[in-house]
Amino acid sequence: MGAVFMDAPVSGGVGAARSGNLTFMVGGVEDEFAAAQQLLGCMGSNVVYCGAVGTGQAAKICNNMLLAISMIGTAETMNLGIRLGLDPKLLAKILNMSSGRCWSSDSYNPVPGVMDGVPSANNYQGGFGTTLMAKDLGLAQDSATSTKSPILLGSQAHQIYRMMCAKGYSQKDFSSVFQFLREEETF
């Protein structure tokens, strides 16, 4: 029937969706990308051509694997700093002006009271759900297996988010890993 299919997963979360600043990772026929770019540009500030159908999804799961790993690292770092007596806002400020800075620390900090307008400031409601992060990490794990790619930290992140789902965090934002790690005695 002449229909064109492109995969176009997004990144940016609820806030970027509301403000029209999503990033679209597009896979499909390159000749059709210009039309898709014009349409998707109405909803996002970044529309990136990734290659054939499926490469948009590949970019998305790679991005989310890194996001999961960096969120766990930020949560662990903040937890350690707090237990060492550091004020969480001060520690976040230092991280964000130093080499440890990442999106999880400067734009989506997982510690309640450090930032306004993020899920940690709202009992981890809203945002990107833990179940969705576990799903994407499962897709990354499957892809790594099929391509024989080692993803040691990605695999560990997948296990952590699966444990969170099993322990009542499935409906909370994925940044609730901070709360999970603070409550978990087995690590």
N, C-alpha and C. Protein backbone atom coordinates (compact mmCIF):
# COMPACT_ATOMS: atom_id res chain seq x y z
N MET A 1 0.82 -1.21 0.00
CA MET A 1 0.00 0.00 0.00
C MET A 1 0.86 1.26 0.00
N GLY A 2 2.16 1.10 -0.02
CA GLY A 2 3.04 2.26 -0.09
C GLY A 2 3.32 2.93 1.24
N ALA A 3 2.92 2.31 2.32
CA ALA A 3 3.17 2.89 3.64
C ALA A 3 4.66 2.81 3.96
N VAL A 4 5.12 3.76 4.73
CA VAL A 4 6.52 3.80 5.16
C VAL A 4 6.55 3.55 6.66
N PHE A 5 7.46 2.69 7.09
CA PHE A 5 7.62 2.42 8.52
C PHE A 5 8.98 2.91 8.96
N MET A 6 9.00 3.62 10.08
CA MET A 6 10.24 4.05 10.71
C MET A 6 10.09 3.84 12.21
N ASP A 7 11.17 3.39 12.83
CA ASP A 7 11.11 3.35 14.29
C ASP A 7 11.68 4.67 14.80
N ALA A 8 11.04 5.20 15.84
CA ALA A 8 11.43 6.53 16.33
C ALA A 8 11.23 6.62 17.84
N PRO A 9 11.97 5.80 18.61
CA PRO A 9 11.86 5.94 20.06
C PRO A 9 12.39 7.29 20.53
N VAL A 10 12.00 7.66 21.73
CA VAL A 10 12.33 8.99 22.25
C VAL A 10 13.18 8.90 23.51
N SER A 11 13.82 10.01 23.81
CA SER A 11 14.54 10.19 25.06
C SER A 11 14.23 11.59 25.55
N GLY A 12 14.22 11.74 26.85
CA GLY A 12 14.01 13.06 27.43
C GLY A 12 13.00 13.07 28.56
N GLY A 13 12.16 12.06 28.61
CA GLY A 13 11.24 11.95 29.72
C GLY A 13 10.03 12.86 29.62
N VAL A 14 9.27 12.85 30.69
CA VAL A 14 8.01 13.58 30.76
C VAL A 14 8.23 15.09 30.60
N GLY A 15 9.26 15.61 31.24
CA GLY A 15 9.53 17.05 31.16
C GLY A 15 9.83 17.49 29.74
N ALA A 16 10.65 16.72 29.04
CA ALA A 16 10.98 17.07 27.66
C ALA A 16 9.75 16.91 26.75
N ALA A 17 8.91 15.95 27.05
CA ALA A 17 7.69 15.78 26.25
C ALA A 17 6.78 16.99 26.42
N ARG A 18 6.63 17.45 27.66
CA ARG A 18 5.78 18.61 27.92
C ARG A 18 6.31 19.87 27.23
N SER A 19 7.62 20.02 27.21
CA SER A 19 8.20 21.24 26.65
C SER A 19 8.54 21.12 25.17
N GLY A 20 8.30 19.95 24.58
CA GLY A 20 8.59 19.75 23.16
C GLY A 20 10.07 19.61 22.86
N ASN A 21 10.83 19.12 23.85
CA ASN A 21 12.28 19.00 23.69
C ASN A 21 12.77 17.56 23.67
N LEU A 22 11.94 16.64 23.23
CA LEU A 22 12.35 15.25 23.14
C LEU A 22 13.46 15.06 22.11
N THR A 23 14.19 13.98 22.25
CA THR A 23 15.12 13.53 21.23
C THR A 23 14.53 12.29 20.59
N PHE A 24 14.40 12.30 19.28
CA PHE A 24 13.92 11.15 18.52
C PHE A 24 15.10 10.48 17.84
N MET A 25 15.21 9.19 18.00
CA MET A 25 16.23 8.38 17.34
C MET A 25 15.51 7.58 16.27
N VAL A 26 15.76 7.89 15.02
CA VAL A 26 14.94 7.40 13.91
C VAL A 26 15.70 6.38 13.07
N GLY A 27 15.03 5.25 12.84
CA GLY A 27 15.56 4.24 11.94
C GLY A 27 14.58 3.99 10.81
N GLY A 28 15.07 3.92 9.58
CA GLY A 28 14.20 3.69 8.44
C GLY A 28 14.90 4.03 7.14
N VAL A 29 14.13 4.11 6.08
CA VAL A 29 14.67 4.44 4.77
C VAL A 29 15.12 5.90 4.79
N GLU A 30 16.38 6.13 4.44
CA GLU A 30 16.95 7.48 4.54
C GLU A 30 16.21 8.49 3.67
N ASP A 31 15.73 8.06 2.52
CA ASP A 31 15.01 8.97 1.63
C ASP A 31 13.71 9.48 2.25
N GLU A 32 13.16 8.76 3.21
CA GLU A 32 11.91 9.15 3.87
C GLU A 32 12.15 9.95 5.15
N PHE A 33 13.41 10.07 5.54
CA PHE A 33 13.72 10.71 6.82
C PHE A 33 13.31 12.18 6.87
N ALA A 34 13.48 12.92 5.79
CA ALA A 34 13.15 14.36 5.80
C ALA A 34 11.70 14.60 6.20
N ALA A 35 10.78 13.79 5.66
CA ALA A 35 9.37 13.95 6.02
C ALA A 35 9.15 13.60 7.49
N ALA A 36 9.77 12.53 7.95
CA ALA A 36 9.64 12.14 9.36
C ALA A 36 10.25 13.20 10.26
N GLN A 37 11.39 13.76 9.85
CA GLN A 37 12.06 14.78 10.64
C GLN A 37 11.17 16.01 10.82
N GLN A 38 10.50 16.40 9.76
CA GLN A 38 9.62 17.57 9.83
C GLN A 38 8.47 17.31 10.80
N LEU A 39 7.86 16.14 10.74
CA LEU A 39 6.76 15.79 11.63
C LEU A 39 7.23 15.67 13.08
N LEU A 40 8.30 14.93 13.30
CA LEU A 40 8.79 14.71 14.66
C LEU A 40 9.38 15.98 15.26
N GLY A 41 9.87 16.87 14.41
CA GLY A 41 10.41 18.14 14.90
C GLY A 41 9.38 19.00 15.60
N CYS A 42 8.10 18.74 15.36
CA CYS A 42 7.04 19.45 16.08
C CYS A 42 6.96 19.04 17.54
N MET A 43 7.52 17.87 17.86
CA MET A 43 7.43 17.34 19.23
C MET A 43 8.78 17.28 19.93
N GLY A 44 9.86 17.44 19.18
CA GLY A 44 11.17 17.31 19.78
C GLY A 44 12.18 18.28 19.20
N SER A 45 13.19 18.58 19.97
CA SER A 45 14.23 19.50 19.52
C SER A 45 15.37 18.79 18.80
N ASN A 46 15.45 17.47 18.96
CA ASN A 46 16.50 16.69 18.31
C ASN A 46 15.85 15.52 17.59
N VAL A 47 16.06 15.43 16.29
CA VAL A 47 15.57 14.31 15.49
C VAL A 47 16.79 13.80 14.73
N VAL A 48 17.24 12.60 15.10
CA VAL A 48 18.50 12.08 14.60
C VAL A 48 18.27 10.83 13.77
N TYR A 49 18.79 10.83 12.54
CA TYR A 49 18.71 9.64 11.69
C TYR A 49 19.81 8.67 12.13
N CYS A 50 19.42 7.42 12.41
CA CYS A 50 20.35 6.41 12.93
C CYS A 50 20.71 5.33 11.92
N GLY A 51 19.93 5.18 10.86
CA GLY A 51 20.19 4.13 9.87
C GLY A 51 18.92 3.38 9.55
N ALA A 52 19.06 2.12 9.20
CA ALA A 52 17.93 1.28 8.80
C ALA A 52 16.94 1.09 9.94
N VAL A 53 15.76 0.59 9.59
CA VAL A 53 14.74 0.29 10.61
C VAL A 53 15.38 -0.58 11.69
N GLY A 54 15.14 -0.20 12.93
CA GLY A 54 15.70 -0.93 14.07
C GLY A 54 16.85 -0.20 14.74
N THR A 55 17.52 0.68 13.99
CA THR A 55 18.66 1.39 14.59
C THR A 55 18.21 2.47 15.56
N GLY A 56 17.02 3.00 15.39
CA GLY A 56 16.48 3.94 16.38
C GLY A 56 16.32 3.25 17.72
N GLN A 57 15.74 2.06 17.69
CA GLN A 57 15.58 1.27 18.92
C GLN A 57 16.93 0.88 19.50
N ALA A 58 17.89 0.55 18.64
CA ALA A 58 19.23 0.20 19.12
C ALA A 58 19.84 1.38 19.87
N ALA A 59 19.72 2.58 19.30
CA ALA A 59 20.25 3.77 19.97
C ALA A 59 19.55 4.01 21.30
N LYS A 60 18.25 3.80 21.33
CA LYS A 60 17.46 4.00 22.56
C LYS A 60 17.91 3.05 23.67
N ILE A 61 18.07 1.77 23.35
CA ILE A 61 18.44 0.83 24.42
C ILE A 61 19.88 1.06 24.88
N CYS A 62 20.75 1.50 23.96
CA CYS A 62 22.11 1.83 24.38
C CYS A 62 22.10 3.05 25.30
N ASN A 63 21.33 4.08 24.93
CA ASN A 63 21.22 5.27 25.77
C ASN A 63 20.65 4.91 27.14
N ASN A 64 19.60 4.11 27.17
CA ASN A 64 18.98 3.79 28.46
C ASN A 64 19.86 2.90 29.32
N MET A 65 20.68 2.05 28.69
CA MET A 65 21.61 1.25 29.49
C MET A 65 22.60 2.18 30.19
N LEU A 66 23.15 3.14 29.45
CA LEU A 66 24.08 4.09 30.07
C LEU A 66 23.38 4.92 31.15
N LEU A 67 22.14 5.33 30.88
CA LEU A 67 21.38 6.10 31.86
C LEU A 67 21.18 5.29 33.14
N ALA A 68 20.82 4.03 33.01
CA ALA A 68 20.62 3.18 34.20
C ALA A 68 21.91 3.05 35.00
N ILE A 69 23.01 2.82 34.30
CA ILE A 69 24.30 2.67 34.96
C ILE A 69 24.68 3.97 35.68
N SER A 70 24.51 5.10 34.99
CA SER A 70 24.89 6.37 35.62
C SER A 70 23.97 6.73 36.78
N MET A 71 22.69 6.36 36.70
CA MET A 71 21.78 6.64 37.81
C MET A 71 22.17 5.80 39.03
N ILE A 72 22.50 4.54 38.81
CA ILE A 72 22.94 3.71 39.93
C ILE A 72 24.21 4.28 40.53
N GLY A 73 25.15 4.68 39.69
CA GLY A 73 26.40 5.27 40.18
C GLY A 73 26.16 6.55 40.95
N THR A 74 25.27 7.39 40.46
CA THR A 74 24.94 8.63 41.16
C THR A 74 24.29 8.32 42.50
N ALA A 75 23.36 7.38 42.51
CA ALA A 75 22.68 7.01 43.76
C ALA A 75 23.68 6.45 44.79
N GLU A 76 24.57 5.58 44.34
CA GLU A 76 25.57 5.01 45.24
C GLU A 76 26.49 6.11 45.79
N THR A 77 26.92 7.00 44.90
CA THR A 77 27.81 8.09 45.30
C THR A 77 27.14 9.01 46.31
N MET A 78 25.91 9.39 46.03
CA MET A 78 25.19 10.28 46.94
C MET A 78 24.96 9.59 48.28
N ASN A 79 24.61 8.32 48.27
CA ASN A 79 24.39 7.57 49.50
C ASN A 79 25.68 7.53 50.33
N LEU A 80 26.80 7.22 49.69
CA LEU A 80 28.07 7.17 50.40
C LEU A 80 28.41 8.55 50.98
N GLY A 81 28.28 9.58 50.18
CA GLY A 81 28.58 10.92 50.67
C GLY A 81 27.74 11.33 51.86
N ILE A 82 26.46 11.02 51.79
CA ILE A 82 25.56 11.34 52.91
C ILE A 82 25.99 10.57 54.15
N ARG A 83 26.33 9.31 53.99
CA ARG A 83 26.76 8.50 55.15
C ARG A 83 28.12 8.94 55.69
N LEU A 84 28.90 9.64 54.85
CA LEU A 84 30.18 10.20 55.31
C LEU A 84 29.99 11.59 55.93
N GLY A 85 28.74 12.06 55.99
CA GLY A 85 28.44 13.33 56.65
C GLY A 85 28.33 14.53 55.73
N LEU A 86 28.37 14.32 54.42
CA LEU A 86 28.25 15.43 53.49
C LEU A 86 26.79 15.84 53.29
N ASP A 87 26.55 17.13 53.18
CA ASP A 87 25.23 17.63 52.83
C ASP A 87 24.96 17.22 51.38
N PRO A 88 23.81 16.62 51.09
CA PRO A 88 23.55 16.15 49.72
C PRO A 88 23.55 17.26 48.67
N LYS A 89 23.07 18.45 49.02
CA LYS A 89 23.09 19.55 48.05
C LYS A 89 24.53 19.98 47.75
N LEU A 90 25.36 20.01 48.78
CA LEU A 90 26.76 20.37 48.60
C LEU A 90 27.47 19.33 47.74
N LEU A 91 27.24 18.06 48.04
CA LEU A 91 27.87 17.00 47.26
C LEU A 91 27.43 17.07 45.80
N ALA A 92 26.14 17.27 45.56
CA ALA A 92 25.66 17.39 44.18
C ALA A 92 26.33 18.57 43.49
N LYS A 93 26.48 19.69 44.19
CA LYS A 93 27.14 20.86 43.61
C LYS A 93 28.58 20.54 43.22
N ILE A 94 29.28 19.85 44.09
CA ILE A 94 30.68 19.49 43.82
C ILE A 94 30.75 18.52 42.63
N LEU A 95 29.91 17.51 42.63
CA LEU A 95 29.90 16.56 41.51
C LEU A 95 29.64 17.27 40.19
N ASN A 96 28.71 18.21 40.21
CA ASN A 96 28.29 18.87 38.98
C ASN A 96 29.27 19.92 38.47
N MET A 97 30.28 20.24 39.27
CA MET A 97 31.35 21.12 38.77
C MET A 97 32.66 20.35 38.63
N SER A 98 32.55 19.02 38.73
CA SER A 98 33.73 18.17 38.67
C SER A 98 33.55 17.08 37.62
N SER A 99 34.51 16.20 37.55
CA SER A 99 34.52 15.17 36.51
C SER A 99 33.45 14.10 36.69
N GLY A 100 32.80 14.04 37.83
CA GLY A 100 31.73 13.07 38.04
C GLY A 100 30.37 13.50 37.50
N ARG A 101 30.28 14.73 36.99
CA ARG A 101 29.02 15.27 36.51
C ARG A 101 28.42 14.40 35.42
N CYS A 102 27.13 14.17 35.52
CA CYS A 102 26.37 13.46 34.48
C CYS A 102 24.91 13.92 34.59
N TRP A 103 24.09 13.52 33.63
CA TRP A 103 22.69 13.92 33.61
C TRP A 103 21.98 13.50 34.89
N SER A 104 22.33 12.32 35.40
CA SER A 104 21.69 11.82 36.63
C SER A 104 22.03 12.69 37.84
N SER A 105 23.16 13.34 37.83
CA SER A 105 23.52 14.20 38.96
C SER A 105 23.08 15.64 38.76
N ASP A 106 23.14 16.16 37.52
CA ASP A 106 22.88 17.59 37.36
C ASP A 106 21.48 17.95 36.88
N SER A 107 20.74 16.98 36.33
CA SER A 107 19.41 17.29 35.80
C SER A 107 18.30 16.44 36.40
N TYR A 108 18.64 15.35 37.10
CA TYR A 108 17.62 14.40 37.53
C TYR A 108 18.08 13.73 38.83
N ASN A 109 18.64 14.52 39.73
CA ASN A 109 19.26 13.96 40.93
C ASN A 109 18.29 13.06 41.70
N PRO A 110 18.75 11.86 42.10
CA PRO A 110 17.86 10.89 42.74
C PRO A 110 17.62 11.11 44.23
N VAL A 111 18.25 12.12 44.82
CA VAL A 111 18.12 12.33 46.26
C VAL A 111 17.02 13.34 46.55
N PRO A 112 16.03 12.95 47.36
CA PRO A 112 14.98 13.90 47.72
C PRO A 112 15.57 15.16 48.36
N GLY A 113 15.04 16.30 47.95
CA GLY A 113 15.47 17.57 48.53
C GLY A 113 16.64 18.24 47.83
N VAL A 114 17.27 17.56 46.89
CA VAL A 114 18.41 18.17 46.20
C VAL A 114 17.94 19.05 45.05
N MET A 115 16.92 18.62 44.31
CA MET A 115 16.41 19.37 43.17
C MET A 115 14.90 19.44 43.22
N ASP A 116 14.36 20.52 42.70
CA ASP A 116 12.92 20.64 42.54
C ASP A 116 12.54 20.15 41.14
N GLY A 117 11.30 19.72 40.98
CA GLY A 117 10.78 19.39 39.67
C GLY A 117 11.24 18.06 39.10
N VAL A 118 11.82 17.21 39.92
CA VAL A 118 12.23 15.87 39.48
C VAL A 118 11.48 14.84 40.34
N PRO A 119 11.38 13.60 39.87
CA PRO A 119 10.62 12.61 40.63
C PRO A 119 11.07 12.41 42.08
N SER A 120 12.37 12.55 42.37
CA SER A 120 12.81 12.37 43.76
C SER A 120 12.21 13.43 44.68
N ALA A 121 11.79 14.54 44.13
CA ALA A 121 11.14 15.59 44.92
C ALA A 121 9.65 15.32 45.10
N ASN A 122 9.16 14.26 44.47
CA ASN A 122 7.73 13.93 44.51
C ASN A 122 7.53 12.44 44.83
N ASN A 123 8.26 11.94 45.81
CA ASN A 123 8.19 10.54 46.21
C ASN A 123 8.36 9.60 45.02
N TYR A 124 9.20 9.99 44.08
CA TYR A 124 9.54 9.19 42.89
C TYR A 124 8.33 8.89 42.01
N GLN A 125 7.38 9.81 42.00
CA GLN A 125 6.23 9.68 41.10
C GLN A 125 6.51 10.44 39.82
N GLY A 126 5.94 9.95 38.71
CA GLY A 126 6.18 10.57 37.41
C GLY A 126 7.49 10.08 36.83
N GLY A 127 7.86 10.63 35.71
CA GLY A 127 9.13 10.28 35.10
C GLY A 127 9.10 8.96 34.35
N PHE A 128 10.24 8.28 34.34
CA PHE A 128 10.43 7.03 33.60
C PHE A 128 10.40 5.88 34.60
N GLY A 129 9.40 5.03 34.47
CA GLY A 129 9.17 3.98 35.45
C GLY A 129 10.26 2.92 35.53
N THR A 130 10.42 2.39 36.72
CA THR A 130 11.38 1.31 36.97
C THR A 130 11.09 0.11 36.08
N THR A 131 9.81 -0.22 35.89
CA THR A 131 9.45 -1.35 35.02
C THR A 131 9.93 -1.11 33.59
N LEU A 132 9.78 0.11 33.10
CA LEU A 132 10.23 0.42 31.74
C LEU A 132 11.75 0.34 31.64
N MET A 133 12.45 0.80 32.68
CA MET A 133 13.92 0.70 32.66
C MET A 133 14.35 -0.76 32.68
N ALA A 134 13.70 -1.57 33.49
CA ALA A 134 14.03 -3.00 33.52
C ALA A 134 13.78 -3.64 32.16
N LYS A 135 12.68 -3.25 31.50
CA LYS A 135 12.37 -3.77 30.16
C LYS A 135 13.46 -3.40 29.16
N ASP A 136 13.85 -2.13 29.16
CA ASP A 136 14.88 -1.68 28.22
C ASP A 136 16.23 -2.35 28.51
N LEU A 137 16.53 -2.56 29.77
CA LEU A 137 17.77 -3.26 30.10
C LEU A 137 17.71 -4.72 29.68
N GLY A 138 16.52 -5.31 29.73
CA GLY A 138 16.34 -6.67 29.20
C GLY A 138 16.58 -6.71 27.70
N LEU A 139 16.09 -5.70 26.99
CA LEU A 139 16.34 -5.62 25.55
C LEU A 139 17.83 -5.45 25.26
N ALA A 140 18.50 -4.64 26.07
CA ALA A 140 19.95 -4.48 25.91
C ALA A 140 20.67 -5.80 26.18
N GLN A 141 20.21 -6.50 27.21
CA GLN A 141 20.82 -7.80 27.54
C GLN A 141 20.64 -8.78 26.39
N ASP A 142 19.43 -8.86 25.83
CA ASP A 142 19.17 -9.74 24.70
C ASP A 142 20.04 -9.37 23.50
N SER A 143 20.16 -8.08 23.23
CA SER A 143 20.98 -7.62 22.12
C SER A 143 22.46 -7.93 22.34
N ALA A 144 22.90 -7.76 23.57
CA ALA A 144 24.30 -8.07 23.88
C ALA A 144 24.58 -9.56 23.71
N THR A 145 23.63 -10.38 24.11
CA THR A 145 23.79 -11.83 23.94
C THR A 145 23.86 -12.19 22.47
N SER A 146 22.96 -11.63 21.67
CA SER A 146 22.93 -11.99 20.25
C SER A 146 24.13 -11.46 19.47
N THR A 147 24.75 -10.39 19.96
CA THR A 147 25.92 -9.84 19.27
C THR A 147 27.24 -10.20 19.96
N LYS A 148 27.14 -11.02 21.02
CA LYS A 148 28.31 -11.43 21.79
C LYS A 148 29.10 -10.22 22.31
N SER A 149 28.35 -9.24 22.83
CA SER A 149 28.94 -8.02 23.37
C SER A 149 28.91 -8.06 24.89
N PRO A 150 30.06 -7.93 25.54
CA PRO A 150 30.05 -7.93 27.01
C PRO A 150 29.46 -6.63 27.54
N ILE A 151 28.48 -6.74 28.42
CA ILE A 151 27.90 -5.56 29.08
C ILE A 151 27.85 -5.85 30.59
N LEU A 152 29.00 -5.85 31.20
CA LEU A 152 29.09 -6.23 32.62
C LEU A 152 28.27 -5.30 33.51
N LEU A 153 28.43 -4.00 33.36
CA LEU A 153 27.66 -3.07 34.18
C LEU A 153 26.21 -3.04 33.75
N GLY A 154 25.94 -3.18 32.46
CA GLY A 154 24.56 -3.23 31.98
C GLY A 154 23.82 -4.42 32.55
N SER A 155 24.49 -5.57 32.62
CA SER A 155 23.87 -6.76 33.20
C SER A 155 23.58 -6.57 34.68
N GLN A 156 24.53 -5.96 35.39
CA GLN A 156 24.31 -5.70 36.82
C GLN A 156 23.17 -4.72 37.02
N ALA A 157 23.11 -3.67 36.18
CA ALA A 157 22.01 -2.71 36.27
C ALA A 157 20.68 -3.41 36.03
N HIS A 158 20.63 -4.31 35.05
CA HIS A 158 19.41 -5.06 34.76
C HIS A 158 18.96 -5.84 36.00
N GLN A 159 19.88 -6.50 36.66
CA GLN A 159 19.53 -7.26 37.86
C GLN A 159 19.02 -6.35 38.97
N ILE A 160 19.65 -5.19 39.15
CA ILE A 160 19.21 -4.26 40.19
C ILE A 160 17.80 -3.78 39.91
N TYR A 161 17.51 -3.39 38.67
CA TYR A 161 16.16 -2.90 38.36
C TYR A 161 15.12 -4.02 38.40
N ARG A 162 15.50 -5.23 38.07
CA ARG A 162 14.57 -6.36 38.23
C ARG A 162 14.27 -6.61 39.71
N MET A 163 15.29 -6.52 40.55
CA MET A 163 15.08 -6.67 41.99
C MET A 163 14.16 -5.58 42.52
N MET A 164 14.36 -4.36 42.04
CA MET A 164 13.50 -3.25 42.47
C MET A 164 12.05 -3.52 42.12
N CYS A 165 11.81 -4.05 40.92
CA CYS A 165 10.43 -4.37 40.51
C CYS A 165 9.83 -5.41 41.44
N ALA A 166 10.63 -6.38 41.82
CA ALA A 166 10.15 -7.46 42.70
C ALA A 166 9.92 -6.97 44.13
N LYS A 167 10.53 -5.86 44.50
CA LYS A 167 10.44 -5.37 45.88
C LYS A 167 9.59 -4.12 46.02
N GLY A 168 8.67 -3.88 45.08
CA GLY A 168 7.70 -2.82 45.25
C GLY A 168 8.03 -1.48 44.61
N TYR A 169 9.04 -1.42 43.79
CA TYR A 169 9.43 -0.16 43.16
C TYR A 169 8.96 -0.06 41.71
N SER A 170 8.20 -1.02 41.24
CA SER A 170 7.87 -1.08 39.81
C SER A 170 7.12 0.15 39.31
N GLN A 171 6.32 0.77 40.14
CA GLN A 171 5.53 1.93 39.71
C GLN A 171 6.24 3.26 39.99
N LYS A 172 7.40 3.19 40.61
CA LYS A 172 8.14 4.42 40.91
C LYS A 172 9.10 4.75 39.78
N ASP A 173 9.54 5.99 39.73
CA ASP A 173 10.53 6.41 38.75
C ASP A 173 11.83 5.63 38.97
N PHE A 174 12.57 5.43 37.89
CA PHE A 174 13.80 4.64 37.98
C PHE A 174 14.85 5.27 38.90
N SER A 175 14.75 6.56 39.18
CA SER A 175 15.69 7.20 40.11
C SER A 175 15.47 6.75 41.55
N SER A 176 14.38 6.02 41.79
CA SER A 176 14.14 5.48 43.14
C SER A 176 15.18 4.44 43.51
N VAL A 177 16.11 4.15 42.61
CA VAL A 177 17.22 3.26 42.94
C VAL A 177 17.98 3.81 44.15
N PHE A 178 17.99 5.13 44.34
CA PHE A 178 18.61 5.71 45.53
C PHE A 178 17.94 5.18 46.79
N GLN A 179 16.62 5.26 46.82
CA GLN A 179 15.85 4.79 47.97
C GLN A 179 16.05 3.28 48.15
N PHE A 180 16.00 2.53 47.06
CA PHE A 180 16.19 1.08 47.11
C PHE A 180 17.54 0.73 47.72
N LEU A 181 18.60 1.38 47.27
CA LEU A 181 19.94 1.08 47.78
C LEU A 181 20.08 1.45 49.25
N ARG A 182 19.42 2.52 49.66
CA ARG A 182 19.49 2.91 51.08
C ARG A 182 18.76 1.92 51.97
N GLU A 183 17.73 1.28 51.44
CA GLU A 183 16.94 0.34 52.24
C GLU A 183 17.46 -1.09 52.15
N GLU A 184 18.20 -1.39 51.11
CA GLU A 184 18.63 -2.77 50.86
C GLU A 184 19.80 -3.13 51.75
N GLU A 185 19.70 -4.22 52.48
CA GLU A 185 20.74 -4.66 53.41
C GLU A 185 21.71 -5.67 52.78
N THR A 186 21.35 -6.23 51.62
CA THR A 186 22.14 -7.33 51.09
C THR A 186 23.34 -6.89 50.26
N PHE A 187 23.44 -5.61 49.95
CA PHE A 187 24.59 -5.16 49.13
C PHE A 187 25.79 -4.88 49.99
